[in-house]
Amino acid sequence: MPKVKNAFFVLWFCMASQYTFADPLQTEVIQKGLASYLESNTNELIEMHDALLGLKEKDSQNEELELQILFHEFLISDLSSKKQKKKFSAMCISKSNMAEEANAYQAELFALLS
């Protein structure tokens, strides 16, 4: 189960993200990911991650999609067992430069991934 101190921040982020100018689909993807994280539902997070990877194959130049995939990888690595944690942490580390250079969601990514 995620740490209680992080739960408050995640709930606040869910509520705040509703009022941003983000695409409603992007907001929904993020909120579903956070809900699964709070429920410690790793399997659902992995399914969402795989679905996002499928979308990436169709649109490989979409920066927002890349950030959503990174976000899910971070959540999965935080909840997973040692073997999965190692795999998804490596994915996050390999994309760290992309996150630093991202134009969208910079503040949110910095807050969540730090």
PDB file of N, CA and C in Angstrom:
ATOM      1  N   MET A   1       0.846  -1.179   0.000  1.00  0.00           N
ATOM      2  CA  MET A   1       0.000   0.000   0.000  1.00  0.00           C
ATOM      3  C   MET A   1       0.892   1.244   0.000  1.00  0.00           C
ATOM      4  N   PRO A   2       0.557   2.254  -0.802  1.00  0.00           N
ATOM      5  CA  PRO A   2       1.389   3.454  -0.866  1.00  0.00           C
ATOM      6  C   PRO A   2       1.450   4.151   0.491  1.00  0.00           C
ATOM      7  N   LYS A   3       2.489   4.880   0.681  1.00  0.00           N
ATOM      8  CA  LYS A   3       2.657   5.612   1.935  1.00  0.00           C
ATOM      9  C   LYS A   3       1.537   6.624   2.096  1.00  0.00           C
ATOM     10  N   VAL A   4       1.080   6.793   3.327  1.00  0.00           N
ATOM     11  CA  VAL A   4      -0.040   7.683   3.615  1.00  0.00           C
ATOM     12  C   VAL A   4       0.295   9.124   3.265  1.00  0.00           C
ATOM     13  N   LYS A   5       1.526   9.544   3.499  1.00  0.00           N
ATOM     14  CA  LYS A   5       1.879  10.934   3.195  1.00  0.00           C
ATOM     15  C   LYS A   5       1.810  11.213   1.698  1.00  0.00           C
ATOM     16  N   ASN A   6       2.050  10.198   0.882  1.00  0.00           N
ATOM     17  CA  ASN A   6       1.945  10.376  -0.566  1.00  0.00           C
ATOM     18  C   ASN A   6       0.495  10.356  -1.025  1.00  0.00           C
ATOM     19  N   ALA A   7      -0.370   9.687  -0.270  1.00  0.00           N
ATOM     20  CA  ALA A   7      -1.779   9.583  -0.659  1.00  0.00           C
ATOM     21  C   ALA A   7      -2.428  10.959  -0.715  1.00  0.00           C
ATOM     22  N   PHE A   8      -2.119  11.820   0.255  1.00  0.00           N
ATOM     23  CA  PHE A   8      -2.688  13.161   0.250  1.00  0.00           C
ATOM     24  C   PHE A   8      -2.288  13.918  -1.006  1.00  0.00           C
ATOM     25  N   PHE A   9      -1.006  13.847  -1.354  1.00  0.00           N
ATOM     26  CA  PHE A   9      -0.529  14.539  -2.545  1.00  0.00           C
ATOM     27  C   PHE A   9      -1.200  13.997  -3.802  1.00  0.00           C
ATOM     28  N   VAL A  10      -1.353  12.692  -3.892  1.00  0.00           N
ATOM     29  CA  VAL A  10      -1.964  12.080  -5.068  1.00  0.00           C
ATOM     30  C   VAL A  10      -3.417  12.509  -5.191  1.00  0.00           C
ATOM     31  N   LEU A  11      -4.146  12.527  -4.074  1.00  0.00           N
ATOM     32  CA  LEU A  11      -5.540  12.978  -4.108  1.00  0.00           C
ATOM     33  C   LEU A  11      -5.625  14.446  -4.518  1.00  0.00           C
ATOM     34  N   TRP A  12      -4.736  15.260  -3.984  1.00  0.00           N
ATOM     35  CA  TRP A  12      -4.719  16.668  -4.356  1.00  0.00           C
ATOM     36  C   TRP A  12      -4.442  16.822  -5.843  1.00  0.00           C
ATOM     37  N   PHE A  13      -3.494  16.040  -6.357  1.00  0.00           N
ATOM     38  CA  PHE A  13      -3.151  16.107  -7.771  1.00  0.00           C
ATOM     39  C   PHE A  13      -4.346  15.723  -8.641  1.00  0.00           C
ATOM     40  N   CYS A  14      -5.102  14.693  -8.223  1.00  0.00           N
ATOM     41  CA  CYS A  14      -6.298  14.282  -8.982  1.00  0.00           C
ATOM     42  C   CYS A  14      -7.296  15.424  -9.066  1.00  0.00           C
ATOM     43  N   MET A  15      -7.538  16.063  -7.931  1.00  0.00           N
ATOM     44  CA  MET A  15      -8.516  17.145  -7.924  1.00  0.00           C
ATOM     45  C   MET A  15      -8.021  18.335  -8.734  1.00  0.00           C
ATOM     46  N   ALA A  16      -6.768  18.673  -8.604  1.00  0.00           N
ATOM     47  CA  ALA A  16      -6.223  19.825  -9.323  1.00  0.00           C
ATOM     48  C   ALA A  16      -6.169  19.579 -10.820  1.00  0.00           C
ATOM     49  N   SER A  17      -5.919  18.350 -11.221  1.00  0.00           N
ATOM     50  CA  SER A  17      -5.795  18.065 -12.648  1.00  0.00           C
ATOM     51  C   SER A  17      -7.120  18.213 -13.382  1.00  0.00           C
ATOM     52  N   GLN A  18      -8.228  18.153 -12.662  1.00  0.00           N
ATOM     53  CA  GLN A  18      -9.525  18.344 -13.304  1.00  0.00           C
ATOM     54  C   GLN A  18      -9.692  19.770 -13.806  1.00  0.00           C
ATOM     55  N   TYR A  19      -9.001  20.709 -13.179  1.00  0.00           N
ATOM     56  CA  TYR A  19      -9.192  22.115 -13.503  1.00  0.00           C
ATOM     57  C   TYR A  19      -8.097  22.687 -14.388  1.00  0.00           C
ATOM     58  N   THR A  20      -7.234  21.850 -14.889  1.00  0.00           N
ATOM     59  CA  THR A  20      -6.187  22.322 -15.790  1.00  0.00           C
ATOM     60  C   THR A  20      -6.739  22.394 -17.199  1.00  0.00           C
ATOM     61  N   PHE A  21      -5.916  22.883 -18.100  1.00  0.00           N
ATOM     62  CA  PHE A  21      -6.317  22.995 -19.491  1.00  0.00           C
ATOM     63  C   PHE A  21      -5.922  21.764 -20.291  1.00  0.00           C
ATOM     64  N   ALA A  22      -5.645  20.682 -19.614  1.00  0.00           N
ATOM     65  CA  ALA A  22      -5.223  19.448 -20.277  1.00  0.00           C
ATOM     66  C   ALA A  22      -6.373  18.842 -21.067  1.00  0.00           C
ATOM     67  N   ASP A  23      -5.996  18.066 -22.041  1.00  0.00           N
ATOM     68  CA  ASP A  23      -6.939  17.300 -22.825  1.00  0.00           C
ATOM     69  C   ASP A  23      -7.706  16.375 -21.882  1.00  0.00           C
ATOM     70  N   PRO A  24      -9.044  16.312 -21.992  1.00  0.00           N
ATOM     71  CA  PRO A  24      -9.815  15.451 -21.083  1.00  0.00           C
ATOM     72  C   PRO A  24      -9.373  13.989 -21.106  1.00  0.00           C
ATOM     73  N   LEU A  25      -8.963  13.478 -22.251  1.00  0.00           N
ATOM     74  CA  LEU A  25      -8.504  12.093 -22.323  1.00  0.00           C
ATOM     75  C   LEU A  25      -7.212  11.916 -21.534  1.00  0.00           C
ATOM     76  N   GLN A  26      -6.287  12.866 -21.648  1.00  0.00           N
ATOM     77  CA  GLN A  26      -5.038  12.794 -20.887  1.00  0.00           C
ATOM     78  C   GLN A  26      -5.318  12.845 -19.391  1.00  0.00           C
ATOM     79  N   THR A  27      -6.224  13.733 -18.986  1.00  0.00           N
ATOM     80  CA  THR A  27      -6.582  13.844 -17.581  1.00  0.00           C
ATOM     81  C   THR A  27      -7.192  12.544 -17.083  1.00  0.00           C
ATOM     82  N   GLU A  28      -8.039  11.924 -17.892  1.00  0.00           N
ATOM     83  CA  GLU A  28      -8.668  10.662 -17.506  1.00  0.00           C
ATOM     84  C   GLU A  28      -7.628   9.557 -17.343  1.00  0.00           C
ATOM     85  N   VAL A  29      -6.667   9.495 -18.241  1.00  0.00           N
ATOM     86  CA  VAL A  29      -5.612   8.477 -18.161  1.00  0.00           C
ATOM     87  C   VAL A  29      -4.816   8.658 -16.874  1.00  0.00           C
ATOM     88  N   ILE A  30      -4.462   9.888 -16.559  1.00  0.00           N
ATOM     89  CA  ILE A  30      -3.692  10.163 -15.347  1.00  0.00           C
ATOM     90  C   ILE A  30      -4.506   9.824 -14.103  1.00  0.00           C
ATOM     91  N   GLN A  31      -5.776  10.211 -14.086  1.00  0.00           N
ATOM     92  CA  GLN A  31      -6.609   9.944 -12.918  1.00  0.00           C
ATOM     93  C   GLN A  31      -6.838   8.453 -12.714  1.00  0.00           C
ATOM     94  N   LYS A  32      -7.035   7.705 -13.785  1.00  0.00           N
ATOM     95  CA  LYS A  32      -7.191   6.255 -13.655  1.00  0.00           C
ATOM     96  C   LYS A  32      -5.911   5.625 -13.113  1.00  0.00           C
ATOM     97  N   GLY A  33      -4.776   6.103 -13.589  1.00  0.00           N
ATOM     98  CA  GLY A  33      -3.501   5.596 -13.093  1.00  0.00           C
ATOM     99  C   GLY A  33      -3.320   5.871 -11.613  1.00  0.00           C
ATOM    100  N   LEU A  34      -3.661   7.081 -11.190  1.00  0.00           N
ATOM    101  CA  LEU A  34      -3.531   7.422  -9.775  1.00  0.00           C
ATOM    102  C   LEU A  34      -4.510   6.630  -8.915  1.00  0.00           C
ATOM    103  N   ALA A  35      -5.723   6.413  -9.426  1.00  0.00           N
ATOM    104  CA  ALA A  35      -6.696   5.611  -8.673  1.00  0.00           C
ATOM    105  C   ALA A  35      -6.192   4.183  -8.496  1.00  0.00           C
ATOM    106  N   SER A  36      -5.641   3.610  -9.540  1.00  0.00           N
ATOM    107  CA  SER A  36      -5.088   2.255  -9.440  1.00  0.00           C
ATOM    108  C   SER A  36      -3.906   2.223  -8.478  1.00  0.00           C
ATOM    109  N   TYR A  37      -3.123   3.280  -8.476  1.00  0.00           N
ATOM    110  CA  TYR A  37      -1.983   3.373  -7.564  1.00  0.00           C
ATOM    111  C   TYR A  37      -2.462   3.383  -6.115  1.00  0.00           C
ATOM    112  N   LEU A  38      -3.482   4.199  -5.840  1.00  0.00           N
ATOM    113  CA  LEU A  38      -4.006   4.277  -4.478  1.00  0.00           C
ATOM    114  C   LEU A  38      -4.605   2.949  -4.025  1.00  0.00           C
ATOM    115  N   GLU A  39      -5.158   2.199  -4.963  1.00  0.00           N
ATOM    116  CA  GLU A  39      -5.727   0.887  -4.650  1.00  0.00           C
ATOM    117  C   GLU A  39      -4.661  -0.205  -4.668  1.00  0.00           C
ATOM    118  N   SER A  40      -3.435   0.170  -4.962  1.00  0.00           N
ATOM    119  CA  SER A  40      -2.318  -0.784  -5.086  1.00  0.00           C
ATOM    120  C   SER A  40      -2.627  -1.867  -6.110  1.00  0.00           C
ATOM    121  N   ASN A  41      -3.255  -1.478  -7.206  1.00  0.00           N
ATOM    122  CA  ASN A  41      -3.656  -2.409  -8.255  1.00  0.00           C
ATOM    123  C   ASN A  41      -2.601  -2.411  -9.368  1.00  0.00           C
ATOM    124  N   THR A  42      -1.546  -3.154  -9.145  1.00  0.00           N
ATOM    125  CA  THR A  42      -0.436  -3.200 -10.096  1.00  0.00           C
ATOM    126  C   THR A  42      -0.859  -3.793 -11.432  1.00  0.00           C
ATOM    127  N   ASN A  43      -1.706  -4.818 -11.402  1.00  0.00           N
ATOM    128  CA  ASN A  43      -2.133  -5.459 -12.652  1.00  0.00           C
ATOM    129  C   ASN A  43      -2.868  -4.482 -13.561  1.00  0.00           C
ATOM    130  N   GLU A  44      -3.740  -3.660 -12.983  1.00  0.00           N
ATOM    131  CA  GLU A  44      -4.469  -2.678 -13.787  1.00  0.00           C
ATOM    132  C   GLU A  44      -3.515  -1.623 -14.347  1.00  0.00           C
ATOM    133  N   LEU A  45      -2.541  -1.215 -13.553  1.00  0.00           N
ATOM    134  CA  LEU A  45      -1.551  -0.252 -14.042  1.00  0.00           C
ATOM    135  C   LEU A  45      -0.757  -0.826 -15.212  1.00  0.00           C
ATOM    136  N   ILE A  46      -0.401  -2.099 -15.118  1.00  0.00           N
ATOM    137  CA  ILE A  46       0.347  -2.742 -16.206  1.00  0.00           C
ATOM    138  C   ILE A  46      -0.516  -2.838 -17.459  1.00  0.00           C
ATOM    139  N   GLU A  47      -1.811  -3.141 -17.292  1.00  0.00           N
ATOM    140  CA  GLU A  47      -2.719  -3.184 -18.449  1.00  0.00           C
ATOM    141  C   GLU A  47      -2.814  -1.814 -19.110  1.00  0.00           C
ATOM    142  N   MET A  48      -2.932  -0.751 -18.301  1.00  0.00           N
ATOM    143  CA  MET A  48      -2.990   0.604 -18.855  1.00  0.00           C
ATOM    144  C   MET A  48      -1.677   0.946 -19.560  1.00  0.00           C
ATOM    145  N   HIS A  49      -0.568   0.550 -18.970  1.00  0.00           N
ATOM    146  CA  HIS A  49       0.750   0.790 -19.565  1.00  0.00           C
ATOM    147  C   HIS A  49       0.843   0.112 -20.927  1.00  0.00           C
ATOM    148  N   ASP A  50       0.404  -1.139 -21.000  1.00  0.00           N
ATOM    149  CA  ASP A  50       0.441  -1.874 -22.265  1.00  0.00           C
ATOM    150  C   ASP A  50      -0.463  -1.229 -23.316  1.00  0.00           C
ATOM    151  N   ALA A  51      -1.629  -0.736 -22.880  1.00  0.00           N
ATOM    152  CA  ALA A  51      -2.536  -0.057 -23.812  1.00  0.00           C
ATOM    153  C   ALA A  51      -1.889   1.221 -24.352  1.00  0.00           C
ATOM    154  N   LEU A  52      -1.211   1.955 -23.486  1.00  0.00           N
ATOM    155  CA  LEU A  52      -0.520   3.169 -23.928  1.00  0.00           C
ATOM    156  C   LEU A  52       0.612   2.841 -24.894  1.00  0.00           C
ATOM    157  N   LEU A  53       1.315   1.733 -24.639  1.00  0.00           N
ATOM    158  CA  LEU A  53       2.370   1.313 -25.570  1.00  0.00           C
ATOM    159  C   LEU A  53       1.784   0.978 -26.938  1.00  0.00           C
ATOM    160  N   GLY A  54       0.582   0.384 -26.958  1.00  0.00           N
ATOM    161  CA  GLY A  54      -0.095   0.101 -28.220  1.00  0.00           C
ATOM    162  C   GLY A  54      -0.426   1.377 -28.974  1.00  0.00           C
ATOM    163  N   LEU A  55      -0.866   2.397 -28.251  1.00  0.00           N
ATOM    164  CA  LEU A  55      -1.150   3.688 -28.882  1.00  0.00           C
ATOM    165  C   LEU A  55       0.129   4.343 -29.396  1.00  0.00           C
ATOM    166  N   LYS A  56       1.216   4.134 -28.677  1.00  0.00           N
ATOM    167  CA  LYS A  56       2.497   4.723 -29.079  1.00  0.00           C
ATOM    168  C   LYS A  56       2.968   4.160 -30.415  1.00  0.00           C
ATOM    169  N   GLU A  57       2.684   2.887 -30.656  1.00  0.00           N
ATOM    170  CA  GLU A  57       3.081   2.281 -31.930  1.00  0.00           C
ATOM    171  C   GLU A  57       2.408   2.984 -33.101  1.00  0.00           C
ATOM    172  N   LYS A  58       1.191   3.480 -32.884  1.00  0.00           N
ATOM    173  CA  LYS A  58       0.459   4.180 -33.938  1.00  0.00           C
ATOM    174  C   LYS A  58       0.921   5.628 -34.087  1.00  0.00           C
ATOM    175  N   ASP A  59       1.357   6.237 -32.985  1.00  0.00           N
ATOM    176  CA  ASP A  59       1.760   7.648 -32.989  1.00  0.00           C
ATOM    177  C   ASP A  59       3.042   7.790 -32.176  1.00  0.00           C
ATOM    178  N   SER A  60       4.160   7.472 -32.791  1.00  0.00           N
ATOM    179  CA  SER A  60       5.433   7.423 -32.067  1.00  0.00           C
ATOM    180  C   SER A  60       6.002   8.802 -31.737  1.00  0.00           C
ATOM    181  N   GLN A  61       5.453   9.869 -32.294  1.00  0.00           N
ATOM    182  CA  GLN A  61       5.983  11.216 -32.066  1.00  0.00           C
ATOM    183  C   GLN A  61       5.210  11.991 -31.004  1.00  0.00           C
ATOM    184  N   ASN A  62       4.286  11.360 -30.315  1.00  0.00           N
ATOM    185  CA  ASN A  62       3.422  12.036 -29.355  1.00  0.00           C
ATOM    186  C   ASN A  62       4.123  12.154 -27.999  1.00  0.00           C
ATOM    187  N   GLU A  63       4.551  13.372 -27.652  1.00  0.00           N
ATOM    188  CA  GLU A  63       5.285  13.601 -26.405  1.00  0.00           C
ATOM    189  C   GLU A  63       4.410  13.361 -25.178  1.00  0.00           C
ATOM    190  N   GLU A  64       3.143  13.783 -25.232  1.00  0.00           N
ATOM    191  CA  GLU A  64       2.253  13.592 -24.092  1.00  0.00           C
ATOM    192  C   GLU A  64       2.053  12.108 -23.800  1.00  0.00           C
ATOM    193  N   LEU A  65       1.952  11.312 -24.846  1.00  0.00           N
ATOM    194  CA  LEU A  65       1.795   9.868 -24.682  1.00  0.00           C
ATOM    195  C   LEU A  65       3.042   9.262 -24.034  1.00  0.00           C
ATOM    196  N   GLU A  66       4.210   9.723 -24.450  1.00  0.00           N
ATOM    197  CA  GLU A  66       5.466   9.263 -23.838  1.00  0.00           C
ATOM    198  C   GLU A  66       5.495   9.576 -22.346  1.00  0.00           C
ATOM    199  N   LEU A  67       5.026  10.774 -21.981  1.00  0.00           N
ATOM    200  CA  LEU A  67       5.015  11.163 -20.574  1.00  0.00           C
ATOM    201  C   LEU A  67       4.010  10.339 -19.776  1.00  0.00           C
ATOM    202  N   GLN A  68       2.872  10.015 -20.386  1.00  0.00           N
ATOM    203  CA  GLN A  68       1.893   9.170 -19.700  1.00  0.00           C
ATOM    204  C   GLN A  68       2.454   7.770 -19.472  1.00  0.00           C
ATOM    205  N   ILE A  69       3.189   7.264 -20.446  1.00  0.00           N
ATOM    206  CA  ILE A  69       3.821   5.946 -20.304  1.00  0.00           C
ATOM    207  C   ILE A  69       4.852   5.995 -19.175  1.00  0.00           C
ATOM    208  N   LEU A  70       5.663   7.041 -19.151  1.00  0.00           N
ATOM    209  CA  LEU A  70       6.657   7.202 -18.088  1.00  0.00           C
ATOM    210  C   LEU A  70       5.981   7.286 -16.721  1.00  0.00           C
ATOM    211  N   PHE A  71       4.893   8.013 -16.647  1.00  0.00           N
ATOM    212  CA  PHE A  71       4.136   8.156 -15.405  1.00  0.00           C
ATOM    213  C   PHE A  71       3.668   6.788 -14.904  1.00  0.00           C
ATOM    214  N   HIS A  72       3.117   5.976 -15.797  1.00  0.00           N
ATOM    215  CA  HIS A  72       2.659   4.639 -15.412  1.00  0.00           C
ATOM    216  C   HIS A  72       3.836   3.747 -14.997  1.00  0.00           C
ATOM    217  N   GLU A  73       4.946   3.864 -15.690  1.00  0.00           N
ATOM    218  CA  GLU A  73       6.127   3.073 -15.323  1.00  0.00           C
ATOM    219  C   GLU A  73       6.607   3.436 -13.922  1.00  0.00           C
ATOM    220  N   PHE A  74       6.550   4.722 -13.596  1.00  0.00           N
ATOM    221  CA  PHE A  74       6.946   5.161 -12.261  1.00  0.00           C
ATOM    222  C   PHE A  74       6.014   4.579 -11.201  1.00  0.00           C
ATOM    223  N   LEU A  75       4.705   4.652 -11.442  1.00  0.00           N
ATOM    224  CA  LEU A  75       3.747   4.118 -10.466  1.00  0.00           C
ATOM    225  C   LEU A  75       3.909   2.616 -10.293  1.00  0.00           C
ATOM    226  N   ILE A  76       4.098   1.914 -11.412  1.00  0.00           N
ATOM    227  CA  ILE A  76       4.267   0.457 -11.361  1.00  0.00           C
ATOM    228  C   ILE A  76       5.529   0.103 -10.582  1.00  0.00           C
ATOM    229  N   SER A  77       6.609   0.811 -10.844  1.00  0.00           N
ATOM    230  CA  SER A  77       7.867   0.491 -10.146  1.00  0.00           C
ATOM    231  C   SER A  77       7.748   0.737  -8.647  1.00  0.00           C
ATOM    232  N   ASP A  78       6.951   1.707  -8.252  1.00  0.00           N
ATOM    233  CA  ASP A  78       6.782   2.000  -6.832  1.00  0.00           C
ATOM    234  C   ASP A  78       5.999   0.902  -6.111  1.00  0.00           C
ATOM    235  N   LEU A  79       5.066   0.255  -6.811  1.00  0.00           N
ATOM    236  CA  LEU A  79       4.205  -0.754  -6.189  1.00  0.00           C
ATOM    237  C   LEU A  79       4.694  -2.187  -6.354  1.00  0.00           C
ATOM    238  N   SER A  80       5.573  -2.423  -7.279  1.00  0.00           N
ATOM    239  CA  SER A  80       5.876  -3.786  -7.711  1.00  0.00           C
ATOM    240  C   SER A  80       6.828  -4.534  -6.791  1.00  0.00           C
ATOM    241  N   SER A  81       6.855  -5.843  -7.056  1.00  0.00           N
ATOM    242  CA  SER A  81       7.822  -6.713  -6.396  1.00  0.00           C
ATOM    243  C   SER A  81       9.217  -6.396  -6.934  1.00  0.00           C
ATOM    244  N   LYS A  82      10.213  -7.001  -6.352  1.00  0.00           N
ATOM    245  CA  LYS A  82      11.602  -6.668  -6.686  1.00  0.00           C
ATOM    246  C   LYS A  82      11.915  -6.836  -8.174  1.00  0.00           C
ATOM    247  N   LYS A  83      11.454  -7.945  -8.779  1.00  0.00           N
ATOM    248  CA  LYS A  83      11.766  -8.208 -10.189  1.00  0.00           C
ATOM    249  C   LYS A  83      11.113  -7.165 -11.102  1.00  0.00           C
ATOM    250  N   GLN A  84       9.814  -6.914 -10.894  1.00  0.00           N
ATOM    251  CA  GLN A  84       9.126  -5.918 -11.717  1.00  0.00           C
ATOM    252  C   GLN A  84       9.655  -4.520 -11.430  1.00  0.00           C
ATOM    253  N   LYS A  85       9.938  -4.239 -10.166  1.00  0.00           N
ATOM    254  CA  LYS A  85      10.457  -2.919  -9.792  1.00  0.00           C
ATOM    255  C   LYS A  85      11.739  -2.612 -10.559  1.00  0.00           C
ATOM    256  N   LYS A  86      12.608  -3.605 -10.662  1.00  0.00           N
ATOM    257  CA  LYS A  86      13.874  -3.424 -11.370  1.00  0.00           C
ATOM    258  C   LYS A  86      13.624  -3.118 -12.850  1.00  0.00           C
ATOM    259  N   LYS A  87      12.699  -3.853 -13.450  1.00  0.00           N
ATOM    260  CA  LYS A  87      12.384  -3.679 -14.874  1.00  0.00           C
ATOM    261  C   LYS A  87      11.809  -2.285 -15.140  1.00  0.00           C
ATOM    262  N   PHE A  88      10.790  -1.898 -14.365  1.00  0.00           N
ATOM    263  CA  PHE A  88      10.125  -0.626 -14.624  1.00  0.00           C
ATOM    264  C   PHE A  88      10.971   0.565 -14.174  1.00  0.00           C
ATOM    265  N   SER A  89      11.792   0.385 -13.153  1.00  0.00           N
ATOM    266  CA  SER A  89      12.715   1.454 -12.753  1.00  0.00           C
ATOM    267  C   SER A  89      13.726   1.721 -13.860  1.00  0.00           C
ATOM    268  N   ALA A  90      14.206   0.654 -14.480  1.00  0.00           N
ATOM    269  CA  ALA A  90      15.147   0.815 -15.594  1.00  0.00           C
ATOM    270  C   ALA A  90      14.496   1.572 -16.748  1.00  0.00           C
ATOM    271  N   MET A  91      13.210   1.302 -17.002  1.00  0.00           N
ATOM    272  CA  MET A  91      12.496   2.031 -18.058  1.00  0.00           C
ATOM    273  C   MET A  91      12.419   3.518 -17.712  1.00  0.00           C
ATOM    274  N   CYS A  92      12.119   3.817 -16.454  1.00  0.00           N
ATOM    275  CA  CYS A  92      12.035   5.219 -16.023  1.00  0.00           C
ATOM    276  C   CYS A  92      13.380   5.920 -16.174  1.00  0.00           C
ATOM    277  N   ILE A  93      14.427   5.254 -15.754  1.00  0.00           N
ATOM    278  CA  ILE A  93      15.763   5.849 -15.826  1.00  0.00           C
ATOM    279  C   ILE A  93      16.164   6.105 -17.276  1.00  0.00           C
ATOM    280  N   SER A  94      15.808   5.172 -18.157  1.00  0.00           N
ATOM    281  CA  SER A  94      16.178   5.338 -19.566  1.00  0.00           C
ATOM    282  C   SER A  94      15.453   6.513 -20.224  1.00  0.00           C
ATOM    283  N   LYS A  95      14.337   6.929 -19.644  1.00  0.00           N
ATOM    284  CA  LYS A  95      13.560   8.036 -20.211  1.00  0.00           C
ATOM    285  C   LYS A  95      13.718   9.324 -19.411  1.00  0.00           C
ATOM    286  N   SER A  96      14.643   9.368 -18.483  1.00  0.00           N
ATOM    287  CA  SER A  96      14.758  10.543 -17.622  1.00  0.00           C
ATOM    288  C   SER A  96      15.089  11.810 -18.407  1.00  0.00           C
ATOM    289  N   ASN A  97      15.906  11.705 -19.443  1.00  0.00           N
ATOM    290  CA  ASN A  97      16.227  12.882 -20.262  1.00  0.00           C
ATOM    291  C   ASN A  97      14.993  13.410 -20.969  1.00  0.00           C
ATOM    292  N   MET A  98      14.148  12.500 -21.451  1.00  0.00           N
ATOM    293  CA  MET A  98      12.917  12.913 -22.123  1.00  0.00           C
ATOM    294  C   MET A  98      12.023  13.683 -21.154  1.00  0.00           C
ATOM    295  N   ALA A  99      11.948  13.249 -19.916  1.00  0.00           N
ATOM    296  CA  ALA A  99      11.114  13.928 -18.926  1.00  0.00           C
ATOM    297  C   ALA A  99      11.653  15.319 -18.610  1.00  0.00           C
ATOM    298  N   GLU A 100      12.959  15.453 -18.540  1.00  0.00           N
ATOM    299  CA  GLU A 100      13.564  16.751 -18.251  1.00  0.00           C
ATOM    300  C   GLU A 100      13.321  17.751 -19.371  1.00  0.00           C
ATOM    301  N   GLU A 101      13.259  17.279 -20.608  1.00  0.00           N
ATOM    302  CA  GLU A 101      13.108  18.161 -21.759  1.00  0.00           C
ATOM    303  C   GLU A 101      11.655  18.357 -22.175  1.00  0.00           C
ATOM    304  N   ALA A 102      10.733  17.724 -21.481  1.00  0.00           N
ATOM    305  CA  ALA A 102       9.322  17.775 -21.868  1.00  0.00           C
ATOM    306  C   ALA A 102       8.763  19.183 -21.709  1.00  0.00           C
ATOM    307  N   ASN A 103       7.949  19.574 -22.674  1.00  0.00           N
ATOM    308  CA  ASN A 103       7.289  20.873 -22.617  1.00  0.00           C
ATOM    309  C   ASN A 103       5.989  20.804 -21.831  1.00  0.00           C
ATOM    310  N   ALA A 104       5.312  19.678 -21.898  1.00  0.00           N
ATOM    311  CA  ALA A 104       4.026  19.518 -21.221  1.00  0.00           C
ATOM    312  C   ALA A 104       4.227  18.820 -19.888  1.00  0.00           C
ATOM    313  N   TYR A 105       3.430  19.177 -18.918  1.00  0.00           N
ATOM    314  CA  TYR A 105       3.411  18.517 -17.607  1.00  0.00           C
ATOM    315  C   TYR A 105       4.727  18.613 -16.851  1.00  0.00           C
ATOM    316  N   GLN A 106       5.559  19.608 -17.118  1.00  0.00           N
ATOM    317  CA  GLN A 106       6.856  19.681 -16.439  1.00  0.00           C
ATOM    318  C   GLN A 106       6.710  19.745 -14.925  1.00  0.00           C
ATOM    319  N   ALA A 107       5.879  20.627 -14.436  1.00  0.00           N
ATOM    320  CA  ALA A 107       5.746  20.783 -12.987  1.00  0.00           C
ATOM    321  C   ALA A 107       5.190  19.521 -12.348  1.00  0.00           C
ATOM    322  N   GLU A 108       4.172  18.932 -12.982  1.00  0.00           N
ATOM    323  CA  GLU A 108       3.563  17.727 -12.438  1.00  0.00           C
ATOM    324  C   GLU A 108       4.554  16.571 -12.419  1.00  0.00           C
ATOM    325  N   LEU A 109       5.293  16.414 -13.512  1.00  0.00           N
ATOM    326  CA  LEU A 109       6.274  15.332 -13.573  1.00  0.00           C
ATOM    327  C   LEU A 109       7.357  15.518 -12.529  1.00  0.00           C
ATOM    328  N   PHE A 110       7.851  16.728 -12.398  1.00  0.00           N
ATOM    329  CA  PHE A 110       8.898  16.978 -11.421  1.00  0.00           C
ATOM    330  C   PHE A 110       8.409  16.644 -10.019  1.00  0.00           C
ATOM    331  N   ALA A 111       7.188  17.053  -9.705  1.00  0.00           N
ATOM    332  CA  ALA A 111       6.642  16.802  -8.372  1.00  0.00           C
ATOM    333  C   ALA A 111       6.440  15.317  -8.110  1.00  0.00           C
ATOM    334  N   LEU A 112       5.942  14.599  -9.088  1.00  0.00           N
ATOM    335  CA  LEU A 112       5.647  13.182  -8.886  1.00  0.00           C
ATOM    336  C   LEU A 112       6.872  12.295  -8.955  1.00  0.00           C
ATOM    337  N   LEU A 113       7.807  12.613  -9.822  1.00  0.00           N
ATOM    338  CA  LEU A 113       8.945  11.733 -10.025  1.00  0.00           C
ATOM    339  C   LEU A 113      10.117  12.044  -9.101  1.00  0.00           C
ATOM    340  N   SER A 114      10.022  13.124  -8.337  1.00  0.00           N
ATOM    341  CA  SER A 114      11.146  13.439  -7.449  1.00  0.00           C
ATOM    342  C   SER A 114      10.941  12.874  -6.061  1.00  0.00           C
TER     343      SER A 114
END
